[in-house]
Amino acid sequence: MEELNLLIKALDKNFSIKATISISNREKSQYNLYISKSQMSLLKNLVLKHMHPDMLYKLNIDKQ
Protein backbone atom coordinates (compact mmCIF):
# COMPACT_ATOMS: atom_id res chain seq x y z
CA MET A 1 0.00 0.00 0.00
CA GLU A 2 2.96 2.30 0.57
CA GLU A 3 3.84 1.96 -3.11
CA LEU A 4 0.33 2.99 -4.13
CA ASN A 5 0.51 6.09 -1.95
CA LEU A 6 3.82 7.00 -3.56
CA LEU A 7 2.33 6.51 -7.03
CA ILE A 8 -0.72 8.63 -6.15
CA LYS A 9 1.53 11.47 -5.02
CA ALA A 10 3.67 11.20 -8.17
CA LEU A 11 0.63 11.22 -10.48
CA ASP A 12 -0.72 14.30 -8.76
CA LYS A 13 2.57 16.18 -8.62
CA ASN A 14 3.81 15.38 -12.14
CA PHE A 15 0.61 15.10 -14.17
CA SER A 16 -2.21 16.60 -12.02
CA ILE A 17 -4.02 13.26 -12.09
CA LYS A 18 -6.03 12.59 -8.95
CA ALA A 19 -6.20 8.96 -7.86
CA THR A 20 -7.32 7.02 -4.81
CA ILE A 21 -6.86 3.55 -3.36
CA SER A 22 -9.67 1.04 -3.74
CA ILE A 23 -9.91 -2.15 -1.67
CA SER A 24 -10.83 -5.00 -3.99
CA ASN A 25 -11.92 -7.88 -1.76
CA ARG A 26 -13.54 -8.71 1.56
CA GLU A 27 -10.29 -9.69 3.26
CA LYS A 28 -8.96 -6.19 2.53
CA SER A 29 -5.68 -7.66 1.33
CA GLN A 30 -5.80 -6.46 -2.27
CA TYR A 31 -5.60 -2.82 -3.24
CA ASN A 32 -6.11 -1.12 -6.59
CA LEU A 33 -5.33 2.30 -7.90
CA TYR A 34 -8.58 4.04 -8.82
CA ILE A 35 -8.63 6.90 -11.31
CA SER A 36 -12.02 8.54 -11.68
CA LYS A 37 -13.78 8.95 -14.99
CA SER A 38 -13.18 12.71 -14.89
CA GLN A 39 -9.41 12.09 -14.84
CA MET A 40 -9.35 9.51 -17.65
CA SER A 41 -8.80 12.00 -20.48
CA LEU A 42 -5.58 13.16 -18.79
CA LEU A 43 -4.44 9.57 -18.36
CA LYS A 44 -5.32 8.60 -21.93
CA ASN A 45 -3.34 11.53 -23.32
CA LEU A 46 -0.28 10.35 -21.39
CA VAL A 47 -0.33 6.61 -22.04
CA LEU A 48 -2.21 5.97 -25.27
CA LYS A 49 0.78 6.17 -27.61
CA HIS A 50 2.71 3.74 -25.38
CA MET A 51 0.04 1.06 -25.00
CA HIS A 52 -0.08 -2.21 -26.85
CA PRO A 53 -3.26 -2.47 -28.99
CA ASP A 54 -4.37 -5.57 -27.06
CA MET A 55 -4.52 -3.51 -23.85
CA LEU A 56 -6.61 -0.61 -25.17
CA TYR A 57 -9.74 -2.15 -23.68
CA LYS A 58 -8.35 -1.08 -20.29
CA LEU A 59 -8.99 2.50 -21.39
CA ASN A 60 -12.33 1.60 -22.96
CA ILE A 61 -10.95 2.04 -26.48
CA ASP A 62 -11.50 -0.33 -29.40
CA LYS A 63 -8.49 -1.69 -31.28
CA GLN A 64 -7.59 0.45 -34.26
PDB file of N, CA and C in Angstrom:
ATOM      1  N   MET A   1       0.821  -1.183   0.000  1.00  0.00           N
ATOM      2  CA  MET A   1       0.000   0.000   0.000  1.00  0.00           C
ATOM      3  C   MET A   1       0.874   1.259   0.000  1.00  0.00           C
ATOM      4  N   GLU A   2       2.031   1.164   0.576  1.00  0.00           N
ATOM      5  CA  GLU A   2       2.961   2.300   0.573  1.00  0.00           C
ATOM      6  C   GLU A   2       3.337   2.697  -0.855  1.00  0.00           C
ATOM      7  N   GLU A   3       3.510   1.685  -1.718  1.00  0.00           N
ATOM      8  CA  GLU A   3       3.842   1.959  -3.113  1.00  0.00           C
ATOM      9  C   GLU A   3       2.711   2.692  -3.826  1.00  0.00           C
ATOM     10  N   LEU A   4       1.469   2.315  -3.522  1.00  0.00           N
ATOM     11  CA  LEU A   4       0.327   2.994  -4.131  1.00  0.00           C
ATOM     12  C   LEU A   4       0.252   4.454  -3.688  1.00  0.00           C
ATOM     13  N   ASN A   5       0.514   4.712  -2.421  1.00  0.00           N
ATOM     14  CA  ASN A   5       0.513   6.093  -1.951  1.00  0.00           C
ATOM     15  C   ASN A   5       1.590   6.915  -2.646  1.00  0.00           C
ATOM     16  N   LEU A   6       2.744   6.321  -2.856  1.00  0.00           N
ATOM     17  CA  LEU A   6       3.824   6.998  -3.565  1.00  0.00           C
ATOM     18  C   LEU A   6       3.419   7.289  -5.013  1.00  0.00           C
ATOM     19  N   LEU A   7       2.786   6.324  -5.660  1.00  0.00           N
ATOM     20  CA  LEU A   7       2.325   6.506  -7.032  1.00  0.00           C
ATOM     21  C   LEU A   7       1.249   7.587  -7.122  1.00  0.00           C
ATOM     22  N   ILE A   8       0.329   7.606  -6.174  1.00  0.00           N
ATOM     23  CA  ILE A   8      -0.715   8.628  -6.153  1.00  0.00           C
ATOM     24  C   ILE A   8      -0.106  10.018  -6.038  1.00  0.00           C
ATOM     25  N   LYS A   9       0.868  10.172  -5.174  1.00  0.00           N
ATOM     26  CA  LYS A   9       1.533  11.470  -5.016  1.00  0.00           C
ATOM     27  C   LYS A   9       2.265  11.865  -6.295  1.00  0.00           C
ATOM     28  N   ALA A  10       2.927  10.911  -6.941  1.00  0.00           N
ATOM     29  CA  ALA A  10       3.665  11.195  -8.170  1.00  0.00           C
ATOM     30  C   ALA A  10       2.724  11.576  -9.312  1.00  0.00           C
ATOM     31  N   LEU A  11       1.601  10.884  -9.442  1.00  0.00           N
ATOM     32  CA  LEU A  11       0.630  11.220 -10.479  1.00  0.00           C
ATOM     33  C   LEU A  11       0.074  12.627 -10.288  1.00  0.00           C
ATOM     34  N   ASP A  12      -0.188  12.975  -9.052  1.00  0.00           N
ATOM     35  CA  ASP A  12      -0.722  14.302  -8.759  1.00  0.00           C
ATOM     36  C   ASP A  12       0.326  15.388  -9.011  1.00  0.00           C
ATOM     37  N   LYS A  13       1.514  15.175  -8.503  1.00  0.00           N
ATOM     38  CA  LYS A  13       2.573  16.184  -8.623  1.00  0.00           C
ATOM     39  C   LYS A  13       3.022  16.385 -10.068  1.00  0.00           C
ATOM     40  N   ASN A  14       3.228  15.298 -10.803  1.00  0.00           N
ATOM     41  CA  ASN A  14       3.811  15.382 -12.138  1.00  0.00           C
ATOM     42  C   ASN A  14       2.797  15.583 -13.257  1.00  0.00           C
ATOM     43  N   PHE A  15       1.570  15.075 -13.070  1.00  0.00           N
ATOM     44  CA  PHE A  15       0.607  15.101 -14.166  1.00  0.00           C
ATOM     45  C   PHE A  15      -0.756  15.666 -13.784  1.00  0.00           C
ATOM     46  N   SER A  16      -0.928  16.079 -12.538  1.00  0.00           N
ATOM     47  CA  SER A  16      -2.206  16.602 -12.021  1.00  0.00           C
ATOM     48  C   SER A  16      -3.339  15.597 -12.177  1.00  0.00           C
ATOM     49  N   ILE A  17      -3.019  14.323 -12.051  1.00  0.00           N
ATOM     50  CA  ILE A  17      -4.024  13.258 -12.093  1.00  0.00           C
ATOM     51  C   ILE A  17      -4.326  12.854 -10.653  1.00  0.00           C
ATOM     52  N   LYS A  18      -5.594  12.959 -10.289  1.00  0.00           N
ATOM     53  CA  LYS A  18      -6.031  12.593  -8.945  1.00  0.00           C
ATOM     54  C   LYS A  18      -6.428  11.115  -8.934  1.00  0.00           C
ATOM     55  N   ALA A  19      -5.907  10.388  -7.984  1.00  0.00           N
ATOM     56  CA  ALA A  19      -6.197   8.958  -7.860  1.00  0.00           C
ATOM     57  C   ALA A  19      -6.427   8.620  -6.396  1.00  0.00           C
ATOM     58  N   THR A  20      -7.084   7.507  -6.164  1.00  0.00           N
ATOM     59  CA  THR A  20      -7.321   7.021  -4.811  1.00  0.00           C
ATOM     60  C   THR A  20      -7.030   5.524  -4.763  1.00  0.00           C
ATOM     61  N   ILE A  21      -7.053   4.989  -3.561  1.00  0.00           N
ATOM     62  CA  ILE A  21      -6.864   3.552  -3.362  1.00  0.00           C
ATOM     63  C   ILE A  21      -8.217   2.907  -3.159  1.00  0.00           C
ATOM     64  N   SER A  22      -8.429   1.802  -3.850  1.00  0.00           N
ATOM     65  CA  SER A  22      -9.667   1.042  -3.739  1.00  0.00           C
ATOM     66  C   SER A  22      -9.328  -0.343  -3.203  1.00  0.00           C
ATOM     67  N   ILE A  23     -10.095  -0.805  -2.223  1.00  0.00           N
ATOM     68  CA  ILE A  23      -9.906  -2.150  -1.674  1.00  0.00           C
ATOM     69  C   ILE A  23     -10.761  -3.094  -2.505  1.00  0.00           C
ATOM     70  N   SER A  24     -10.147  -4.180  -2.995  1.00  0.00           N
ATOM     71  CA  SER A  24     -10.833  -4.996  -3.992  1.00  0.00           C
ATOM     72  C   SER A  24     -11.451  -6.298  -3.482  1.00  0.00           C
ATOM     73  N   ASN A  25     -11.267  -6.652  -2.231  1.00  0.00           N
ATOM     74  CA  ASN A  25     -11.920  -7.878  -1.763  1.00  0.00           C
ATOM     75  C   ASN A  25     -12.300  -7.773  -0.287  1.00  0.00           C
ATOM     76  N   ARG A  26     -13.024  -8.749   0.183  1.00  0.00           N
ATOM     77  CA  ARG A  26     -13.537  -8.709   1.560  1.00  0.00           C
ATOM     78  C   ARG A  26     -12.435  -8.817   2.611  1.00  0.00           C
ATOM     79  N   GLU A  27     -11.363  -9.512   2.292  1.00  0.00           N
ATOM     80  CA  GLU A  27     -10.288  -9.687   3.263  1.00  0.00           C
ATOM     81  C   GLU A  27      -9.433  -8.432   3.390  1.00  0.00           C
ATOM     82  N   LYS A  28      -9.687  -7.461   2.533  1.00  0.00           N
ATOM     83  CA  LYS A  28      -8.957  -6.193   2.534  1.00  0.00           C
ATOM     84  C   LYS A  28      -7.452  -6.402   2.373  1.00  0.00           C
ATOM     85  N   SER A  29      -7.091  -7.387   1.547  1.00  0.00           N
ATOM     86  CA  SER A  29      -5.675  -7.663   1.333  1.00  0.00           C
ATOM     87  C   SER A  29      -5.224  -7.304  -0.074  1.00  0.00           C
ATOM     88  N   GLN A  30      -6.155  -6.857  -0.904  1.00  0.00           N
ATOM     89  CA  GLN A  30      -5.801  -6.460  -2.266  1.00  0.00           C
ATOM     90  C   GLN A  30      -6.236  -5.020  -2.487  1.00  0.00           C
ATOM     91  N   TYR A  31      -5.323  -4.226  -3.024  1.00  0.00           N
ATOM     92  CA  TYR A  31      -5.597  -2.816  -3.241  1.00  0.00           C
ATOM     93  C   TYR A  31      -5.398  -2.476  -4.711  1.00  0.00           C
ATOM     94  N   ASN A  32      -6.208  -1.566  -5.202  1.00  0.00           N
ATOM     95  CA  ASN A  32      -6.112  -1.117  -6.588  1.00  0.00           C
ATOM     96  C   ASN A  32      -6.005   0.394  -6.614  1.00  0.00           C
ATOM     97  N   LEU A  33      -5.373   0.875  -7.652  1.00  0.00           N
ATOM     98  CA  LEU A  33      -5.332   2.302  -7.900  1.00  0.00           C
ATOM     99  C   LEU A  33      -6.599   2.658  -8.664  1.00  0.00           C
ATOM    100  N   TYR A  34      -7.341   3.630  -8.180  1.00  0.00           N
ATOM    101  CA  TYR A  34      -8.585   4.035  -8.824  1.00  0.00           C
ATOM    102  C   TYR A  34      -8.413   5.443  -9.368  1.00  0.00           C
ATOM    103  N   ILE A  35      -8.661   5.599 -10.658  1.00  0.00           N
ATOM    104  CA  ILE A  35      -8.629   6.903 -11.305  1.00  0.00           C
ATOM    105  C   ILE A  35     -10.035   7.165 -11.802  1.00  0.00           C
ATOM    106  N   SER A  36     -10.621   8.261 -11.355  1.00  0.00           N
ATOM    107  CA  SER A  36     -12.022   8.539 -11.682  1.00  0.00           C
ATOM    108  C   SER A  36     -12.202   8.839 -13.165  1.00  0.00           C
ATOM    109  N   LYS A  37     -13.436   8.718 -13.590  1.00  0.00           N
ATOM    110  CA  LYS A  37     -13.779   8.950 -14.985  1.00  0.00           C
ATOM    111  C   LYS A  37     -13.394  10.353 -15.429  1.00  0.00           C
ATOM    112  N   SER A  38     -13.512  11.323 -14.543  1.00  0.00           N
ATOM    113  CA  SER A  38     -13.179  12.707 -14.892  1.00  0.00           C
ATOM    114  C   SER A  38     -11.685  12.909 -15.149  1.00  0.00           C
ATOM    115  N   GLN A  39     -10.863  11.998 -14.662  1.00  0.00           N
ATOM    116  CA  GLN A  39      -9.414  12.093 -14.841  1.00  0.00           C
ATOM    117  C   GLN A  39      -8.900  11.257 -16.015  1.00  0.00           C
ATOM    118  N   MET A  40      -9.783  10.448 -16.610  1.00  0.00           N
ATOM    119  CA  MET A  40      -9.349   9.513 -17.648  1.00  0.00           C
ATOM    120  C   MET A  40      -8.814  10.190 -18.898  1.00  0.00           C
ATOM    121  N   SER A  41      -9.331  11.342 -19.272  1.00  0.00           N
ATOM    122  CA  SER A  41      -8.802  12.002 -20.475  1.00  0.00           C
ATOM    123  C   SER A  41      -7.342  12.399 -20.277  1.00  0.00           C
ATOM    124  N   LEU A  42      -6.986  12.837 -19.079  1.00  0.00           N
ATOM    125  CA  LEU A  42      -5.581  13.160 -18.791  1.00  0.00           C
ATOM    126  C   LEU A  42      -4.707  11.912 -18.901  1.00  0.00           C
ATOM    127  N   LEU A  43      -5.188  10.823 -18.326  1.00  0.00           N
ATOM    128  CA  LEU A  43      -4.437   9.570 -18.362  1.00  0.00           C
ATOM    129  C   LEU A  43      -4.288   9.053 -19.790  1.00  0.00           C
ATOM    130  N   LYS A  44      -5.372   9.077 -20.547  1.00  0.00           N
ATOM    131  CA  LYS A  44      -5.321   8.602 -21.933  1.00  0.00           C
ATOM    132  C   LYS A  44      -4.307   9.385 -22.751  1.00  0.00           C
ATOM    133  N   ASN A  45      -4.290  10.702 -22.585  1.00  0.00           N
ATOM    134  CA  ASN A  45      -3.338  11.530 -23.317  1.00  0.00           C
ATOM    135  C   ASN A  45      -1.895  11.157 -23.001  1.00  0.00           C
ATOM    136  N   LEU A  46      -1.638  10.718 -21.799  1.00  0.00           N
ATOM    137  CA  LEU A  46      -0.276  10.349 -21.392  1.00  0.00           C
ATOM    138  C   LEU A  46       0.147   8.969 -21.887  1.00  0.00           C
ATOM    139  N   VAL A  47      -0.746   8.000 -21.826  1.00  0.00           N
ATOM    140  CA  VAL A  47      -0.332   6.614 -22.037  1.00  0.00           C
ATOM    141  C   VAL A  47      -0.723   5.997 -23.370  1.00  0.00           C
ATOM    142  N   LEU A  48      -1.665   6.600 -24.075  1.00  0.00           N
ATOM    143  CA  LEU A  48      -2.211   5.971 -25.270  1.00  0.00           C
ATOM    144  C   LEU A  48      -1.153   5.585 -26.295  1.00  0.00           C
ATOM    145  N   LYS A  49      -0.223   6.466 -26.579  1.00  0.00           N
ATOM    146  CA  LYS A  49       0.779   6.166 -27.610  1.00  0.00           C
ATOM    147  C   LYS A  49       1.772   5.080 -27.173  1.00  0.00           C
ATOM    148  N   HIS A  50       1.782   4.737 -25.895  1.00  0.00           N
ATOM    149  CA  HIS A  50       2.710   3.736 -25.379  1.00  0.00           C
ATOM    150  C   HIS A  50       2.059   2.368 -25.160  1.00  0.00           C
ATOM    151  N   MET A  51       0.746   2.293 -25.312  1.00  0.00           N
ATOM    152  CA  MET A  51       0.039   1.058 -24.999  1.00  0.00           C
ATOM    153  C   MET A  51      -0.010   0.097 -26.180  1.00  0.00           C
ATOM    154  N   HIS A  52       0.093  -1.161 -25.863  1.00  0.00           N
ATOM    155  CA  HIS A  52      -0.076  -2.210 -26.853  1.00  0.00           C
ATOM    156  C   HIS A  52      -1.553  -2.261 -27.251  1.00  0.00           C
ATOM    157  N   PRO A  53      -1.852  -2.451 -28.543  1.00  0.00           N
ATOM    158  CA  PRO A  53      -3.256  -2.473 -28.989  1.00  0.00           C
ATOM    159  C   PRO A  53      -4.144  -3.470 -28.242  1.00  0.00           C
ATOM    160  N   ASP A  54      -3.579  -4.579 -27.788  1.00  0.00           N
ATOM    161  CA  ASP A  54      -4.370  -5.571 -27.059  1.00  0.00           C
ATOM    162  C   ASP A  54      -4.785  -5.090 -25.664  1.00  0.00           C
ATOM    163  N   MET A  55      -4.194  -4.013 -25.181  1.00  0.00           N
ATOM    164  CA  MET A  55      -4.518  -3.506 -23.851  1.00  0.00           C
ATOM    165  C   MET A  55      -5.409  -2.266 -23.885  1.00  0.00           C
ATOM    166  N   LEU A  56      -5.805  -1.824 -25.057  1.00  0.00           N
ATOM    167  CA  LEU A  56      -6.611  -0.609 -25.173  1.00  0.00           C
ATOM    168  C   LEU A  56      -7.970  -0.737 -24.493  1.00  0.00           C
ATOM    169  N   TYR A  57      -8.473  -1.963 -24.358  1.00  0.00           N
ATOM    170  CA  TYR A  57      -9.743  -2.154 -23.679  1.00  0.00           C
ATOM    171  C   TYR A  57      -9.692  -1.633 -22.245  1.00  0.00           C
ATOM    172  N   LYS A  58      -8.514  -1.608 -21.638  1.00  0.00           N
ATOM    173  CA  LYS A  58      -8.354  -1.083 -20.288  1.00  0.00           C
ATOM    174  C   LYS A  58      -8.748   0.387 -20.199  1.00  0.00           C
ATOM    175  N   LEU A  59      -8.610   1.089 -21.327  1.00  0.00           N
ATOM    176  CA  LEU A  59      -8.986   2.504 -21.395  1.00  0.00           C
ATOM    177  C   LEU A  59     -10.328   2.689 -22.098  1.00  0.00           C
ATOM    178  N   ASN A  60     -11.036   1.593 -22.289  1.00  0.00           N
ATOM    179  CA  ASN A  60     -12.330   1.599 -22.957  1.00  0.00           C
ATOM    180  C   ASN A  60     -12.217   2.137 -24.398  1.00  0.00           C
ATOM    181  N   ILE A  61     -11.195   1.645 -25.090  1.00  0.00           N
ATOM    182  CA  ILE A  61     -10.947   2.035 -26.480  1.00  0.00           C
ATOM    183  C   ILE A  61     -10.894   0.766 -27.322  1.00  0.00           C
ATOM    184  N   ASP A  62     -11.555   0.792 -28.473  1.00  0.00           N
ATOM    185  CA  ASP A  62     -11.504  -0.335 -29.404  1.00  0.00           C
ATOM    186  C   ASP A  62     -10.159  -0.357 -30.105  1.00  0.00           C
ATOM    187  N   LYS A  63      -9.720  -1.565 -30.499  1.00  0.00           N
ATOM    188  CA  LYS A  63      -8.490  -1.685 -31.281  1.00  0.00           C
ATOM    189  C   LYS A  63      -8.633  -0.921 -32.583  1.00  0.00           C
ATOM    190  N   GLN A  64      -7.550  -0.327 -33.007  1.00  0.00           N
ATOM    191  CA  GLN A  64      -7.590   0.450 -34.258  1.00  0.00           C
ATOM    192  C   GLN A  64      -6.986  -0.333 -35.375  1.00  0.00           C
TER     193      GLN A  64
END
